[in-house]
Amino acid sequence: MRRLGEKGMASVFGLVMLGVMVLAAMGVFAVERNEAYATRRYEDEVRLRLAARSEVERTALRFEQGGDKTDVTEASLGGKKEEFPPETRPDGITYQTRAYFEKGELMVSATTWMASDEPRLPSMKSYVRARAHLARSQEGAYYVWLGWVP
C-alpha cells in the first residue's frame, strides 16, 4: 500500500546518490591532475639538475685537460666571473657556465633553465645551479678536480 508522502522518493534518493558519486569522481580527477602536474615539475627539476651538473663537469674537463681556458688565472679575471655564452640543448634546456676564483680555487658553476612546452604551465625559471671547485696542478699546466660545492 502506498502512502501519499512517498511518491518519487526512490527517484530523489537515486539522484542524490548520483550527485554524490559525481562529486567523488570530480575529486578523484582533481587529485590525479594535481599529482600528474607535481610529477612533471619534479621530472623537469631533476632534468635541470642533471643538466647543470653535466655542464659543470664538461667545463671542468676542459680545464683539467689543459684546453683553451687554462690560461684563466685569478689575476687575469681580476675578481670577475668569466661567463660562457648561453647555449640551448636539443631537449630545450638552456645552460650557461661560469668560471671564477674564490679563496684561491677555480669555481665552475652552471645555471640551467627551460621554457615550458605547455601554455598553461609556467616556464621553469628556477635556475637550477651546480658548482664545483678545481685547483691548479703542481705543474701549473692544467686544473685538478676537487669536488662538488654544496
Foldseek 3Di string as FASTA:
>chain_A
DDDPPCPCVVVVVVVVVVVVVVVVVVVVVVVVVVVVVVVVVVVVVVVQQVVFVVVQVVVQVCQAVLHPPLVDAQVVCVQHKDKDDWDADPVFKIKIWIWHDDPQWIKIKMWIFGADPDVVDGGGPPGHMWMFTWHQDPVSRGIHTDGTDD
